[in-house]
PDB file of N, CA and C in Angstrom:
ATOM      1  N   MET A   1     156.222  45.948  87.563  1.00  0.00           N
ATOM      2  CA  MET A   1     154.476  45.872  88.167  1.00  0.00           C
ATOM      3  C   MET A   1     153.660  47.651  87.831  1.00  0.00           C
ATOM      4  N   LEU A   2     154.567  48.382  88.130  1.00  0.00           N
ATOM      5  CA  LEU A   2     154.393  50.096  88.364  1.00  0.00           C
ATOM      6  C   LEU A   2     154.147  50.611  87.172  1.00  0.00           C
ATOM      7  N   GLN A   3     154.831  50.056  86.243  1.00  0.00           N
ATOM      8  CA  GLN A   3     154.828  49.958  84.991  1.00  0.00           C
ATOM      9  C   GLN A   3     153.290  49.584  84.095  1.00  0.00           C
ATOM     10  N   ASP A   4     152.918  48.765  84.187  1.00  0.00           N
ATOM     11  CA  ASP A   4     151.994  47.988  84.060  1.00  0.00           C
ATOM     12  C   ASP A   4     150.460  48.972  84.553  1.00  0.00           C
ATOM     13  N   VAL A   5     150.250  49.486  85.412  1.00  0.00           N
ATOM     14  CA  VAL A   5     149.593  49.919  86.177  1.00  0.00           C
ATOM     15  C   VAL A   5     149.918  51.681  85.758  1.00  0.00           C
ATOM     16  N   SER A   6     150.504  52.267  85.525  1.00  0.00           N
ATOM     17  CA  SER A   6     151.113  53.284  85.397  1.00  0.00           C
ATOM     18  C   SER A   6     149.944  54.067  84.339  1.00  0.00           C
ATOM     19  N   PRO A   7     150.015  53.289  82.685  1.00  0.00           N
ATOM     20  CA  PRO A   7     148.568  54.027  82.168  1.00  0.00           C
ATOM     21  C   PRO A   7     146.959  53.997  82.366  1.00  0.00           C
ATOM     22  N   TYR A   8     146.888  53.049  83.502  1.00  0.00           N
ATOM     23  CA  TYR A   8     145.481  52.855  83.801  1.00  0.00           C
ATOM     24  C   TYR A   8     145.165  53.982  84.862  1.00  0.00           C
ATOM     25  N   LEU A   9     146.709  54.387  85.478  1.00  0.00           N
ATOM     26  CA  LEU A   9     146.200  55.672  86.699  1.00  0.00           C
ATOM     27  C   LEU A   9     146.300  56.381  85.710  1.00  0.00           C
ATOM     28  N   ALA A  10     146.797  56.654  84.500  1.00  0.00           N
ATOM     29  CA  ALA A  10     146.400  58.418  83.650  1.00  0.00           C
ATOM     30  C   ALA A  10     145.622  58.099  82.848  1.00  0.00           C
ATOM     31  N   LEU A  11     144.987  57.348  82.332  1.00  0.00           N
ATOM     32  CA  LEU A  11     143.695  57.140  82.133  1.00  0.00           C
ATOM     33  C   LEU A  11     142.842  57.579  83.296  1.00  0.00           C
ATOM     34  N   ALA A  12     142.672  57.169  84.373  1.00  0.00           N
ATOM     35  CA  ALA A  12     141.718  57.098  85.136  1.00  0.00           C
ATOM     36  C   ALA A  12     141.993  58.794  85.530  1.00  0.00           C
ATOM     37  N   SER A  13     143.187  59.011  85.986  1.00  0.00           N
ATOM     38  CA  SER A  13     143.229  60.728  86.253  1.00  0.00           C
ATOM     39  C   SER A  13     142.568  61.702  85.661  1.00  0.00           C
ATOM     40  N   THR A  14     142.997  61.202  83.508  1.00  0.00           N
ATOM     41  CA  THR A  14     142.467  61.720  82.786  1.00  0.00           C
ATOM     42  C   THR A  14     140.836  61.706  82.622  1.00  0.00           C
ATOM     43  N   VAL A  15     140.522  60.609  83.165  1.00  0.00           N
ATOM     44  CA  VAL A  15     138.717  60.985  83.418  1.00  0.00           C
ATOM     45  C   VAL A  15     138.053  61.396  84.819  1.00  0.00           C
ATOM     46  N   VAL A  16     139.136  61.425  85.224  1.00  0.00           N
ATOM     47  CA  VAL A  16     138.690  62.326  86.525  1.00  0.00           C
ATOM     48  C   VAL A  16     138.726  63.436  86.338  1.00  0.00           C
ATOM     49  N   VAL A  17     140.198  64.650  85.943  1.00  0.00           N
ATOM     50  CA  VAL A  17     139.734  65.866  85.230  1.00  0.00           C
ATOM     51  C   VAL A  17     139.058  66.363  84.286  1.00  0.00           C
ATOM     52  N   ALA A  18     138.370  65.002  82.857  1.00  0.00           N
ATOM     53  CA  ALA A  18     137.610  65.736  83.026  1.00  0.00           C
ATOM     54  C   ALA A  18     136.289  65.338  83.208  1.00  0.00           C
ATOM     55  N   ILE A  19     135.555  64.482  84.451  1.00  0.00           N
ATOM     56  CA  ILE A  19     134.845  64.912  85.176  1.00  0.00           C
ATOM     57  C   ILE A  19     134.195  65.988  85.734  1.00  0.00           C
ATOM     58  N   LEU A  20     135.991  66.668  86.507  1.00  0.00           N
ATOM     59  CA  LEU A  20     136.047  67.734  87.399  1.00  0.00           C
ATOM     60  C   LEU A  20     135.379  68.632  85.927  1.00  0.00           C
ATOM     61  N   VAL A  21     136.293  68.886  84.924  1.00  0.00           N
ATOM     62  CA  VAL A  21     136.422  70.334  84.247  1.00  0.00           C
ATOM     63  C   VAL A  21     134.754  70.250  83.707  1.00  0.00           C
ATOM     64  N   GLY A  22     133.961  68.968  83.399  1.00  0.00           N
ATOM     65  CA  GLY A  22     132.223  69.174  83.181  1.00  0.00           C
ATOM     66  C   GLY A  22     131.519  69.734  84.169  1.00  0.00           C
ATOM     67  N   LEU A  23     131.787  69.663  85.509  1.00  0.00           N
ATOM     68  CA  LEU A  23     131.466  69.868  87.117  1.00  0.00           C
ATOM     69  C   LEU A  23     131.966  71.511  86.870  1.00  0.00           C
ATOM     70  N   VAL A  24     133.051  71.726  86.565  1.00  0.00           N
ATOM     71  CA  VAL A  24     133.386  73.208  87.024  1.00  0.00           C
ATOM     72  C   VAL A  24     132.782  73.957  85.973  1.00  0.00           C
ATOM     73  N   VAL A  25     131.998  73.379  84.262  1.00  0.00           N
ATOM     74  CA  VAL A  25     131.731  74.422  83.599  1.00  0.00           C
ATOM     75  C   VAL A  25     130.666  74.049  84.172  1.00  0.00           C
ATOM     76  N   TRP A  26     129.560  73.385  84.658  1.00  0.00           N
ATOM     77  CA  TRP A  26     128.653  73.606  84.879  1.00  0.00           C
ATOM     78  C   TRP A  26     128.011  74.035  85.886  1.00  0.00           C
ATOM     79  N   LEU A  27     128.721  74.088  86.670  1.00  0.00           N
ATOM     80  CA  LEU A  27     128.711  75.251  87.905  1.00  0.00           C
ATOM     81  C   LEU A  27     128.483  76.540  87.787  1.00  0.00           C
ATOM     82  N   THR A  28     129.502  76.938  86.851  1.00  0.00           N
ATOM     83  CA  THR A  28     129.692  78.353  85.950  1.00  0.00           C
ATOM     84  C   THR A  28     128.797  78.665  85.300  1.00  0.00           C
ATOM     85  N   LEU A  29     127.943  77.756  84.889  1.00  0.00           N
ATOM     86  CA  LEU A  29     126.782  77.757  84.258  1.00  0.00           C
ATOM     87  C   LEU A  29     125.766  78.177  85.082  1.00  0.00           C
ATOM     88  N   SER A  30     125.593  77.728  86.060  1.00  0.00           N
ATOM     89  CA  SER A  30     124.715  77.746  87.257  1.00  0.00           C
ATOM     90  C   SER A  30     124.935  79.071  87.789  1.00  0.00           C
ATOM     91  N   LEU A  31     126.010  79.091  87.952  1.00  0.00           N
ATOM     92  CA  LEU A  31     126.499  80.707  89.001  1.00  0.00           C
ATOM     93  C   LEU A  31     125.694  81.908  88.005  1.00  0.00           C
ATOM     94  N   ARG A  32     125.972  81.658  86.545  1.00  0.00           N
ATOM     95  CA  ARG A  32     125.708  82.899  86.092  1.00  0.00           C
ATOM     96  C   ARG A  32     124.197  82.979  85.837  1.00  0.00           C
ATOM     97  N   ARG A  33     123.869  81.784  85.994  1.00  0.00           N
ATOM     98  CA  ARG A  33     121.848  81.804  85.757  1.00  0.00           C
ATOM     99  C   ARG A  33     121.607  82.526  87.119  1.00  0.00           C
ATOM    100  N   LEU A  34     122.268  82.109  88.622  1.00  0.00           N
ATOM    101  CA  LEU A  34     121.743  82.774  89.414  1.00  0.00           C
ATOM    102  C   LEU A  34     121.781  83.917  89.693  1.00  0.00           C
ATOM    103  N   GLN A  35     123.500  84.588  88.955  1.00  0.00           N
ATOM    104  CA  GLN A  35     123.074  86.071  89.304  1.00  0.00           C
ATOM    105  C   GLN A  35     122.196  86.864  88.356  1.00  0.00           C
ATOM    106  N   THR A  36     122.021  86.532  87.006  1.00  0.00           N
ATOM    107  CA  THR A  36     120.942  86.938  86.169  1.00  0.00           C
ATOM    108  C   THR A  36     119.517  87.196  85.985  1.00  0.00           C
ATOM    109  N   GLY A  37     119.459  85.708  87.424  1.00  0.00           N
ATOM    110  CA  GLY A  37     118.065  85.563  87.738  1.00  0.00           C
ATOM    111  C   GLY A  37     117.969  87.154  89.326  1.00  0.00           C
ATOM    112  N   GLN A  38     118.966  86.959  90.095  1.00  0.00           N
ATOM    113  CA  GLN A  38     119.379  87.658  91.182  1.00  0.00           C
ATOM    114  C   GLN A  38     119.137  89.168  90.516  1.00  0.00           C
ATOM    115  N   ARG A  39     119.663  89.702  89.434  1.00  0.00           N
ATOM    116  CA  ARG A  39     119.819  90.989  88.894  1.00  0.00           C
ATOM    117  C   ARG A  39     118.558  91.334  88.854  1.00  0.00           C
ATOM    118  N   ALA A  40     117.923  90.358  88.321  1.00  0.00           N
ATOM    119  CA  ALA A  40     116.152  90.668  87.548  1.00  0.00           C
ATOM    120  C   ALA A  40     115.306  91.019  88.779  1.00  0.00           C
ATOM    121  N   VAL A  41     115.751  90.266  89.777  1.00  0.00           N
ATOM    122  CA  VAL A  41     115.256  90.298  91.355  1.00  0.00           C
ATOM    123  C   VAL A  41     115.202  92.121  91.631  1.00  0.00           C
ATOM    124  N   LEU A  42     116.565  91.742  91.763  1.00  0.00           N
ATOM    125  CA  LEU A  42     116.653  93.163  92.962  1.00  0.00           C
ATOM    126  C   LEU A  42     117.362  94.583  92.062  1.00  0.00           C
ATOM    127  N   GLY A  43     117.372  93.866  90.947  1.00  0.00           N
ATOM    128  CA  GLY A  43     116.949  95.296  89.597  1.00  0.00           C
ATOM    129  C   GLY A  43     118.613  95.958  89.470  1.00  0.00           C
ATOM    130  N   PRO A  44     118.532  97.478  90.413  1.00  0.00           N
ATOM    131  CA  PRO A  44     119.215  98.351  90.602  1.00  0.00           C
ATOM    132  C   PRO A  44     120.374  98.343  92.134  1.00  0.00           C
ATOM    133  N   TYR A  45     119.438  97.471  92.335  1.00  0.00           N
ATOM    134  CA  TYR A  45     120.527  97.174  94.007  1.00  0.00           C
ATOM    135  C   TYR A  45     121.209  95.788  94.163  1.00  0.00           C
ATOM    136  N   GLY A  46     121.738  96.192  92.904  1.00  0.00           N
ATOM    137  CA  GLY A  46     122.847  94.614  92.685  1.00  0.00           C
ATOM    138  C   GLY A  46     123.342  93.927  93.903  1.00  0.00           C
ATOM    139  N   ARG A  47     124.285  95.356  94.766  1.00  0.00           N
ATOM    140  CA  ARG A  47     125.125  94.911  96.115  1.00  0.00           C
ATOM    141  C   ARG A  47     124.649  94.475  96.948  1.00  0.00           C
ATOM    142  N   ARG A  48     122.795  94.677  97.010  1.00  0.00           N
ATOM    143  CA  ARG A  48     122.509  93.971  98.424  1.00  0.00           C
ATOM    144  C   ARG A  48     122.774  92.456  98.527  1.00  0.00           C
ATOM    145  N   ASP A  49     122.295  91.854  99.718  1.00  0.00           N
ATOM    146  CA  ASP A  49     121.808  90.449  99.392  1.00  0.00           C
ATOM    147  C   ASP A  49     120.465  90.200  99.458  1.00  0.00           C
ATOM    148  N   VAL A  50     120.409  89.510  98.408  1.00  0.00           N
ATOM    149  CA  VAL A  50     118.822  88.738  98.426  1.00  0.00           C
ATOM    150  C   VAL A  50     117.654  88.522  99.858  1.00  0.00           C
ATOM    151  N   VAL A  51     118.204  88.383 101.423  1.00  0.00           N
ATOM    152  CA  VAL A  51     117.971  88.259 102.434  1.00  0.00           C
ATOM    153  C   VAL A  51     117.671  89.924 102.427  1.00  0.00           C
ATOM    154  N   GLU A  52     118.328  91.102 102.181  1.00  0.00           N
ATOM    155  CA  GLU A  52     118.311  92.211 102.746  1.00  0.00           C
ATOM    156  C   GLU A  52     116.836  93.155 101.779  1.00  0.00           C
ATOM    157  N   HIS A  53     117.686  92.630 100.552  1.00  0.00           N
ATOM    158  CA  HIS A  53     116.336  93.540  99.798  1.00  0.00           C
ATOM    159  C   HIS A  53     114.370  92.805 100.336  1.00  0.00           C
ATOM    160  N   ILE A  54     114.297  91.452 100.474  1.00  0.00           N
ATOM    161  CA  ILE A  54     113.256  90.738 100.835  1.00  0.00           C
ATOM    162  C   ILE A  54     112.727  91.847 102.407  1.00  0.00           C
ATOM    163  N   ALA A  55     113.972  91.526 102.858  1.00  0.00           N
ATOM    164  CA  ALA A  55     113.134  92.337 103.957  1.00  0.00           C
ATOM    165  C   ALA A  55     113.035  94.189 104.016  1.00  0.00           C
ATOM    166  N   ALA A  56     113.683  94.424 103.111  1.00  0.00           N
ATOM    167  CA  ALA A  56     113.249  96.033 102.504  1.00  0.00           C
ATOM    168  C   ALA A  56     111.826  95.593 101.816  1.00  0.00           C
ATOM    169  N   LEU A  57     111.163  94.763 100.983  1.00  0.00           N
ATOM    170  CA  LEU A  57     109.989  94.588 100.137  1.00  0.00           C
ATOM    171  C   LEU A  57     109.005  94.456 101.407  1.00  0.00           C
ATOM    172  N   GLU A  58     109.445  93.955 102.618  1.00  0.00           N
ATOM    173  CA  GLU A  58     108.396  92.757 103.611  1.00  0.00           C
ATOM    174  C   GLU A  58     107.943  94.467 104.774  1.00  0.00           C
ATOM    175  N   ASP A  59     109.062  95.434 104.634  1.00  0.00           N
ATOM    176  CA  ASP A  59     108.882  97.131 105.180  1.00  0.00           C
ATOM    177  C   ASP A  59     108.330  97.454 104.624  1.00  0.00           C
ATOM    178  N   GLN A  60     108.215  97.759 103.061  1.00  0.00           N
ATOM    179  CA  GLN A  60     107.482  98.196 102.101  1.00  0.00           C
ATOM    180  C   GLN A  60     105.785  98.142 101.738  1.00  0.00           C
ATOM    181  N   VAL A  61     105.631  96.768 101.770  1.00  0.00           N
ATOM    182  CA  VAL A  61     104.376  95.895 102.084  1.00  0.00           C
ATOM    183  C   VAL A  61     104.064  96.674 103.406  1.00  0.00           C
ATOM    184  N   ARG A  62     104.562  96.784 104.384  1.00  0.00           N
ATOM    185  CA  ARG A  62     104.112  96.681 106.406  1.00  0.00           C
ATOM    186  C   ARG A  62     103.080  98.608 105.723  1.00  0.00           C
ATOM    187  N   ASN A  63     104.405  99.476 105.264  1.00  0.00           N
ATOM    188  CA  ASN A  63     104.023 100.444 105.462  1.00  0.00           C
ATOM    189  C   ASN A  63     102.780 101.037 103.968  1.00  0.00           C
ATOM    190  N   LEU A  64     102.875  99.733 103.317  1.00  0.00           N
ATOM    191  CA  LEU A  64     101.588  99.666 102.524  1.00  0.00           C
ATOM    192  C   LEU A  64      99.960  99.740 103.009  1.00  0.00           C
ATOM    193  N   ARG A  65     100.316  98.351 103.846  1.00  0.00           N
ATOM    194  CA  ARG A  65      98.816  97.941 104.631  1.00  0.00           C
ATOM    195  C   ARG A  65      98.321  99.255 105.763  1.00  0.00           C
ATOM    196  N   ASP A  66      99.697 100.136 106.048  1.00  0.00           N
ATOM    197  CA  ASP A  66      99.056 100.639 107.191  1.00  0.00           C
ATOM    198  C   ASP A  66      99.137 102.397 106.394  1.00  0.00           C
ATOM    199  N   ALA A  67      99.525 102.546 105.321  1.00  0.00           N
ATOM    200  CA  ALA A  67      98.332 103.303 104.207  1.00  0.00           C
ATOM    201  C   ALA A  67      97.215 102.989 104.145  1.00  0.00           C
ATOM    202  N   VAL A  68      96.985 102.112 103.362  1.00  0.00           N
ATOM    203  CA  VAL A  68      95.509 101.550 103.599  1.00  0.00           C
ATOM    204  C   VAL A  68      95.009 101.370 104.403  1.00  0.00           C
ATOM    205  N   GLU A  69      95.084 101.540 105.503  1.00  0.00           N
ATOM    206  CA  GLU A  69      94.208 101.298 106.844  1.00  0.00           C
ATOM    207  C   GLU A  69      93.783 102.641 106.704  1.00  0.00           C
ATOM    208  N   ILE A  70      94.874 103.648 106.737  1.00  0.00           N
ATOM    209  CA  ILE A  70      94.817 105.132 107.217  1.00  0.00           C
ATOM    210  C   ILE A  70      93.523 105.541 106.178  1.00  0.00           C
ATOM    211  N   LEU A  71      94.007 105.009 105.293  1.00  0.00           N
ATOM    212  CA  LEU A  71      92.756 105.704 103.585  1.00  0.00           C
ATOM    213  C   LEU A  71      91.398 105.141 104.124  1.00  0.00           C
ATOM    214  N   THR A  72      91.234 103.439 104.258  1.00  0.00           N
ATOM    215  CA  THR A  72      90.155 103.368 104.383  1.00  0.00           C
ATOM    216  C   THR A  72      89.441 104.080 105.626  1.00  0.00           C
ATOM    217  N   SER A  73      90.290 104.308 106.845  1.00  0.00           N
ATOM    218  CA  SER A  73      89.188 105.092 108.230  1.00  0.00           C
ATOM    219  C   SER A  73      88.970 106.375 107.578  1.00  0.00           C
ATOM    220  N   SER A  74      89.717 106.914 106.711  1.00  0.00           N
ATOM    221  CA  SER A  74      89.404 108.328 106.267  1.00  0.00           C
ATOM    222  C   SER A  74      88.427 108.453 105.348  1.00  0.00           C
ATOM    223  N   VAL A  75      88.319 107.189 103.774  1.00  0.00           N
ATOM    224  CA  VAL A  75      87.062 106.804 103.112  1.00  0.00           C
ATOM    225  C   VAL A  75      86.027 106.496 104.319  1.00  0.00           C
ATOM    226  N   GLU A  76      85.837 106.348 105.471  1.00  0.00           N
ATOM    227  CA  GLU A  76      84.446 105.311 106.201  1.00  0.00           C
ATOM    228  C   GLU A  76      84.557 107.109 107.265  1.00  0.00           C
ATOM    229  N   GLU A  77      85.369 108.080 107.329  1.00  0.00           N
ATOM    230  CA  GLU A  77      84.888 109.342 108.207  1.00  0.00           C
ATOM    231  C   GLU A  77      84.198 110.037 106.672  1.00  0.00           C
ATOM    232  N   TYR A  78      84.939 110.480 106.069  1.00  0.00           N
ATOM    233  CA  TYR A  78      84.148 111.128 104.659  1.00  0.00           C
ATOM    234  C   TYR A  78      82.740 110.063 104.289  1.00  0.00           C
ATOM    235  N   ARG A  79      82.639 109.588 104.148  1.00  0.00           N
ATOM    236  CA  ARG A  79      81.585 108.455 103.984  1.00  0.00           C
ATOM    237  C   ARG A  79      80.356 108.453 104.659  1.00  0.00           C
ATOM    238  N   HIS A  80      80.791 108.815 106.268  1.00  0.00           N
ATOM    239  CA  HIS A  80      79.585 109.581 107.325  1.00  0.00           C
ATOM    240  C   HIS A  80      79.335 110.860 107.293  1.00  0.00           C
ATOM    241  N   ASP A  81      80.523 111.391 107.183  1.00  0.00           N
ATOM    242  CA  ASP A  81      79.931 113.263 106.554  1.00  0.00           C
ATOM    243  C   ASP A  81      79.419 113.049 105.476  1.00  0.00           C
ATOM    244  N   LEU A  82      79.257 113.037 104.211  1.00  0.00           N
ATOM    245  CA  LEU A  82      78.579 112.724 102.885  1.00  0.00           C
ATOM    246  C   LEU A  82      77.316 112.200 103.673  1.00  0.00           C
ATOM    247  N   ASP A  83      77.019 111.124 104.373  1.00  0.00           N
ATOM    248  CA  ASP A  83      75.424 110.767 104.694  1.00  0.00           C
ATOM    249  C   ASP A  83      74.405 111.920 105.620  1.00  0.00           C
ATOM    250  N   ARG A  84      75.415 112.695 105.999  1.00  0.00           N
ATOM    251  CA  ARG A  84      74.763 114.082 106.685  1.00  0.00           C
ATOM    252  C   ARG A  84      74.514 115.455 106.043  1.00  0.00           C
ATOM    253  N   SER A  85      75.108 115.350 105.019  1.00  0.00           N
ATOM    254  CA  SER A  85      75.685 116.518 104.572  1.00  0.00           C
ATOM    255  C   SER A  85      73.798 116.516 103.158  1.00  0.00           C
ATOM    256  N   LEU A  86      73.806 117.281 102.852  1.00  0.00           N
ATOM    257  CA  LEU A  86      72.578 117.945 101.724  1.00  0.00           C
ATOM    258  C   LEU A  86      72.814 117.329 100.538  1.00  0.00           C
ATOM    259  N   SER A  87      72.052 116.269 100.621  1.00  0.00           N
ATOM    260  CA  SER A  87      71.841 115.371  99.533  1.00  0.00           C
ATOM    261  C   SER A  87      70.898 114.968  98.768  1.00  0.00           C
ATOM    262  N   ASN A  88      69.669 115.693  99.231  1.00  0.00           N
ATOM    263  CA  ASN A  88      68.372 115.727  99.008  1.00  0.00           C
ATOM    264  C   ASN A  88      67.598 117.232  98.786  1.00  0.00           C
ATOM    265  N   TYR A  89      67.582 117.565  98.062  1.00  0.00           N
ATOM    266  CA  TYR A  89      66.757 118.927  97.922  1.00  0.00           C
ATOM    267  C   TYR A  89      65.807 118.953  96.888  1.00  0.00           C
ATOM    268  N   ALA A  90      64.663 119.967  97.151  1.00  0.00           N
ATOM    269  CA  ALA A  90      63.404 119.900  95.651  1.00  0.00           C
ATOM    270  C   ALA A  90      63.110 121.177  96.092  1.00  0.00           C
ATOM    271  N   VAL A  91      62.096 122.174  95.263  1.00  0.00           N
ATOM    272  CA  VAL A  91      62.244 123.214  95.126  1.00  0.00           C
ATOM    273  C   VAL A  91      60.456 122.993  94.380  1.00  0.00           C
ATOM    274  N   VAL A  92      59.410 123.096  95.614  1.00  0.00           N
ATOM    275  CA  VAL A  92      57.752 123.149  95.331  1.00  0.00           C
ATOM    276  C   VAL A  92      57.580 124.636  94.734  1.00  0.00           C
ATOM    277  N   ARG A  93      57.272 124.930  93.922  1.00  0.00           N
ATOM    278  CA  ARG A  93      55.834 125.898  93.699  1.00  0.00           C
ATOM    279  C   ARG A  93      54.411 126.035  93.775  1.00  0.00           C
ATOM    280  N   TYR A  94      53.935 126.968  94.923  1.00  0.00           N
ATOM    281  CA  TYR A  94      52.411 126.241  94.884  1.00  0.00           C
ATOM    282  C   TYR A  94      51.990 127.962  94.856  1.00  0.00           C
ATOM    283  N   ASP A  95      51.067 128.062  94.991  1.00  0.00           N
ATOM    284  CA  ASP A  95      49.317 129.280  95.420  1.00  0.00           C
ATOM    285  C   ASP A  95      49.297 129.135  96.166  1.00  0.00           C
ATOM    286  N   ALA A  96      50.115 130.433  97.617  1.00  0.00           N
ATOM    287  CA  ALA A  96      49.531 130.297  98.756  1.00  0.00           C
ATOM    288  C   ALA A  96      48.187 131.172  98.506  1.00  0.00           C
ATOM    289  N   PHE A  97      48.065 132.025  98.130  1.00  0.00           N
ATOM    290  CA  PHE A  97      46.547 132.796  98.268  1.00  0.00           C
ATOM    291  C   PHE A  97      45.752 132.649  97.364  1.00  0.00           C
ATOM    292  N   MET A  98      45.942 132.135  96.224  1.00  0.00           N
ATOM    293  CA  MET A  98      44.453 131.084  95.569  1.00  0.00           C
ATOM    294  C   MET A  98      44.331 132.399  94.894  1.00  0.00           C
ATOM    295  N   ASP A  99      45.288 133.140  94.189  1.00  0.00           N
ATOM    296  CA  ASP A  99      44.748 134.370  93.620  1.00  0.00           C
ATOM    297  C   ASP A  99      44.943 133.891  91.792  1.00  0.00           C
ATOM    298  N   PRO A 100      44.608 134.739  90.946  1.00  0.00           N
ATOM    299  CA  PRO A 100      44.730 134.413  89.814  1.00  0.00           C
ATOM    300  C   PRO A 100      46.143 134.994  89.127  1.00  0.00           C
ATOM    301  N   GLY A 101      47.081 134.726  90.220  1.00  0.00           N
ATOM    302  CA  GLY A 101      48.452 135.068  89.546  1.00  0.00           C
ATOM    303  C   GLY A 101      49.402 133.814  89.558  1.00  0.00           C
ATOM    304  N   GLY A 102      48.702 133.188  89.470  1.00  0.00           N
ATOM    305  CA  GLY A 102      49.477 131.177  90.157  1.00  0.00           C
ATOM    306  C   GLY A 102      50.443 131.417  90.586  1.00  0.00           C
ATOM    307  N   GLN A 103      51.189 130.348  90.534  1.00  0.00           N
ATOM    308  CA  GLN A 103      51.669 129.633  91.441  1.00  0.00           C
ATOM    309  C   GLN A 103      53.544 130.813  91.593  1.00  0.00           C
ATOM    310  N   GLN A 104      53.026 131.466  92.602  1.00  0.00           N
ATOM    311  CA  GLN A 104      54.046 132.762  92.375  1.00  0.00           C
ATOM    312  C   GLN A 104      54.685 132.665  93.782  1.00  0.00           C
ATOM    313  N   SER A 105      54.697 131.158  95.247  1.00  0.00           N
ATOM    314  CA  SER A 105      55.333 131.152  95.963  1.00  0.00           C
ATOM    315  C   SER A 105      55.914 129.583  96.010  1.00  0.00           C
ATOM    316  N   ALA A 106      57.023 129.684  97.270  1.00  0.00           N
ATOM    317  CA  ALA A 106      58.086 128.551  96.614  1.00  0.00           C
ATOM    318  C   ALA A 106      58.478 128.024  97.582  1.00  0.00           C
ATOM    319  N   SER A 107      58.735 127.290  98.253  1.00  0.00           N
ATOM    320  CA  SER A 107      59.658 126.110  99.277  1.00  0.00           C
ATOM    321  C   SER A 107      60.755 125.243  98.852  1.00  0.00           C
ATOM    322  N   VAL A 108      61.872 125.649  99.618  1.00  0.00           N
ATOM    323  CA  VAL A 108      62.412 124.521  99.374  1.00  0.00           C
ATOM    324  C   VAL A 108      62.996 123.738 100.332  1.00  0.00           C
ATOM    325  N   ALA A 109      63.020 122.383 100.065  1.00  0.00           N
ATOM    326  CA  ALA A 109      63.572 121.271 100.893  1.00  0.00           C
ATOM    327  C   ALA A 109      65.032 121.096 100.990  1.00  0.00           C
ATOM    328  N   LEU A 110      65.569 121.117 102.251  1.00  0.00           N
ATOM    329  CA  LEU A 110      67.466 120.866 102.251  1.00  0.00           C
ATOM    330  C   LEU A 110      67.513 119.339 102.824  1.00  0.00           C
ATOM    331  N   LEU A 111      67.461 118.406 102.483  1.00  0.00           N
ATOM    332  CA  LEU A 111      67.457 116.939 103.170  1.00  0.00           C
ATOM    333  C   LEU A 111      68.613 116.553 103.193  1.00  0.00           C
ATOM    334  N   ASP A 112      69.142 115.507 104.293  1.00  0.00           N
ATOM    335  CA  ASP A 112      70.484 114.953 103.902  1.00  0.00           C
ATOM    336  C   ASP A 112      70.028 113.343 103.573  1.00  0.00           C
ATOM    337  N   ASN A 113      71.158 112.446 103.883  1.00  0.00           N
ATOM    338  CA  ASN A 113      70.525 110.917 103.490  1.00  0.00           C
ATOM    339  C   ASN A 113      69.724 110.806 103.821  1.00  0.00           C
ATOM    340  N   TYR A 114      69.530 110.896 105.439  1.00  0.00           N
ATOM    341  CA  TYR A 114      68.652 110.743 106.281  1.00  0.00           C
ATOM    342  C   TYR A 114      67.608 110.974 106.479  1.00  0.00           C
ATOM    343  N   ARG A 115      66.489 112.325 105.535  1.00  0.00           N
ATOM    344  CA  ARG A 115      65.648 112.717 105.065  1.00  0.00           C
ATOM    345  C   ARG A 115      65.571 113.496 105.737  1.00  0.00           C
ATOM    346  N   SER A 116      66.155 113.802 106.414  1.00  0.00           N
ATOM    347  CA  SER A 116      65.948 114.723 107.990  1.00  0.00           C
ATOM    348  C   SER A 116      66.613 116.121 107.295  1.00  0.00           C
ATOM    349  N   GLY A 117      65.604 117.619 108.079  1.00  0.00           N
ATOM    350  CA  GLY A 117      66.325 118.569 107.169  1.00  0.00           C
ATOM    351  C   GLY A 117      66.885 119.406 108.778  1.00  0.00           C
TER     352      GLY A 117
END
């Protein structure tokens, strides 16, 4: 009876081995694709873990956010200083003595953005 079953066992084991070989090939290709993608994401830092890389990126984004806040406050200060600077000016020529010499006198108006001098 064992002799009748042995060819079927050999065939079944061959099929199982073929399926396992196919699974190993598929897993190898999937692993290669994953490694290629990880190399593309990590760049020159290939020895780091993805989680470490994400944590480093998060720190960089936080630092950028802080820098943008500092720059925004600086821009607001400069904008306020610019409003108080001399941004409007004019020279007016006129004849102060009504003589035939013409408009020999001049006045200079220096105003800030709030129109106060």
